C-alpha atoms as a PDB file:
ATOM      1  CA  MET A   1      91.853  89.948 125.728  1.00  0.00           C
ATOM      2  CA  GLY A   2      89.920  89.594 121.918  1.00  0.00           C
ATOM      3  CA  LYS A   3      85.966  90.182 121.935  1.00  0.00           C
ATOM      4  CA  THR A   4      83.470  87.989 119.485  1.00  0.00           C
ATOM      5  CA  ILE A   5      81.990  91.356 116.675  1.00  0.00           C
ATOM      6  CA  THR A   6      79.349  90.171 114.275  1.00  0.00           C
ATOM      7  CA  ILE A   7      79.137  91.439 110.628  1.00  0.00           C
ATOM      8  CA  GLY A   8      78.020  91.247 107.586  1.00  0.00           C
ATOM      9  CA  ASP A   9      79.191  89.722 104.470  1.00  0.00           C
ATOM     10  CA  GLU A  10      79.723  92.585 102.681  1.00  0.00           C
ATOM     11  CA  ALA A  11      81.869  93.307 105.835  1.00  0.00           C
ATOM     12  CA  TYR A  12      83.674  90.660 105.890  1.00  0.00           C
ATOM     13  CA  LYS A  13      84.648  90.585 101.897  1.00  0.00           C
ATOM     14  CA  LEU A  14      86.054  94.167 102.832  1.00  0.00           C
ATOM     15  CA  LEU A  15      87.231  93.087 105.347  1.00  0.00           C
ATOM     16  CA  SER A  16      89.417  89.508 104.055  1.00  0.00           C
ATOM     17  CA  ALA A  17      90.430  92.084 101.140  1.00  0.00           C
ATOM     18  CA  LEU A  18      91.501  94.691 102.788  1.00  0.00           C
ATOM     19  CA  LYS A  19      94.446  91.289 104.561  1.00  0.00           C
ATOM     20  CA  ARG A  20      98.060  92.152 103.042  1.00  0.00           C
ATOM     21  CA  LEU A  21     100.199  88.512 103.746  1.00  0.00           C
ATOM     22  CA  PRO A  22      97.800  85.170 104.473  1.00  0.00           C
ATOM     23  CA  GLY A  23      97.342  84.661 108.070  1.00  0.00           C
ATOM     24  CA  GLU A  24      96.929  88.728 109.146  1.00  0.00           C
ATOM     25  CA  SER A  25      94.715  88.998 111.301  1.00  0.00           C
ATOM     26  CA  PHE A  26      91.489  91.859 111.215  1.00  0.00           C
ATOM     27  CA  THR A  27      92.532  93.158 113.495  1.00  0.00           C
ATOM     28  CA  LYS A  28      95.620  94.421 112.362  1.00  0.00           C
ATOM     29  CA  VAL A  29      93.470  95.437 108.939  1.00  0.00           C
ATOM     30  CA  ILE A  30      91.369  96.957 111.228  1.00  0.00           C
ATOM     31  CA  LEU A  31      93.374  98.882 113.373  1.00  0.00           C
ATOM     32  CA  ARG A  32      95.924 100.329 110.116  1.00  0.00           C
ATOM     33  CA  HIS A  33      91.979 101.884 108.390  1.00  0.00           C
ATOM     34  CA  LEU A  34      90.620 103.128 111.799  1.00  0.00           C
ATOM     35  CA  ASN A  35      92.448 105.429 113.143  1.00  0.00           C
ATOM     36  CA  ARG A  36      91.104 108.266 116.011  1.00  0.00           C
ATOM     37  CA  PRO A  37      91.009 111.567 114.944  1.00  0.00           C
ATOM     38  CA  ALA A  38      94.084 113.337 117.233  1.00  0.00           C
ATOM     39  CA  ASP A  39      92.624 115.995 119.085  1.00  0.00           C
ATOM     40  CA  THR A  40      96.357 118.041 118.963  1.00  0.00           C
ATOM     41  CA  GLY A  41      99.363 118.419 116.552  1.00  0.00           C
ATOM     42  CA  GLY A  42     101.237 116.171 119.000  1.00  0.00           C
ATOM     43  CA  GLU A  43      98.843 113.165 118.603  1.00  0.00           C
ATOM     44  CA  LEU A  44      98.320 113.552 114.928  1.00  0.00           C
ATOM     45  CA  LEU A  45     102.628 113.035 115.060  1.00  0.00           C
ATOM     46  CA  GLU A  46     102.701 109.938 116.985  1.00  0.00           C
ATOM     47  CA  ALA A  47      99.856 109.124 114.666  1.00  0.00           C
ATOM     48  CA  MET A  48     101.927 108.918 111.254  1.00  0.00           C
ATOM     49  CA  GLU A  49     105.403 107.533 113.320  1.00  0.00           C
ATOM     50  CA  LYS A  50     103.052 104.592 113.984  1.00  0.00           C
ATOM     51  CA  LEU A  51     102.122 103.600 109.977  1.00  0.00           C
ATOM     52  CA  PRO A  52     103.925 101.947 107.193  1.00  0.00           C
ATOM     53  CA  PRO A  53     106.459 103.116 105.049  1.00  0.00           C
ATOM     54  CA  PRO A  54     103.837 103.916 101.994  1.00  0.00           C
ATOM     55  CA  ASP A  55     103.944 101.529  99.376  1.00  0.00           C
ATOM     56  CA  VAL A  56     105.590 103.176  96.151  1.00  0.00           C
ATOM     57  CA  ASP A  57     106.762 102.003  92.913  1.00  0.00           C
ATOM     58  CA  LEU A  58     110.344 103.405  92.475  1.00  0.00           C
ATOM     59  CA  VAL A  59     110.502 103.344  87.923  1.00  0.00           C
ATOM     60  CA  VAL A  60     107.275 105.910  88.829  1.00  0.00           C
ATOM     61  CA  LEU A  61     108.848 108.301  91.787  1.00  0.00           C
ATOM     62  CA  LYS A  62     112.408 108.445  89.670  1.00  0.00           C
ATOM     63  CA  ARG A  63     110.260 109.347  87.015  1.00  0.00           C
ATOM     64  CA  THR A  64     108.311 111.924  88.266  1.00  0.00           C
ATOM     65  CA  GLU A  65     112.000 113.541  89.277  1.00  0.00           C
ATOM     66  CA  ARG A  66     113.185 113.441  86.770  1.00  0.00           C
ATOM     67  CA  GLU A  67     110.185 114.567  84.672  1.00  0.00           C
ATOM     68  CA  ARG A  68     109.402 117.407  87.208  1.00  0.00           C
ATOM     69  CA  GLY A  69     109.524 120.977  85.994  1.00  0.00           C
ATOM     70  CA  LYS A  70     108.896 119.994  82.111  1.00  0.00           C
ATOM     71  CA  ARG A  71     106.197 121.433  80.035  1.00  0.00           C
ATOM     72  CA  SER A  72     103.886 118.771  79.596  1.00  0.00           C
ATOM     73  CA  GLY A  73     103.844 119.426  74.883  1.00  0.00           C
ATOM     74  CA  GLY A  74     100.171 121.088  75.153  1.00  0.00           C
ATOM     75  CA  ARG A  75     101.577 124.136  73.966  1.00  0.00           C
ATOM     76  CA  LYS A  76     104.916 125.248  71.966  1.00  0.00           C
END
């Protein structure tokens, strides 16, 4: 069952900007960004397992893996 809440214009703009897909509900946006603190390690693990995979730039990831361990060129 849904509830009606009133929020200010600034909060509405923020929630709207956090939507990933057209038509995504504010409920999904809020649940994705606000989490109840975990009381135990098990609760933390459960919460982490429910999260979607992170958005990763694969080009940057590959470059980072390839360059790992090399000096930045600051010293010669």
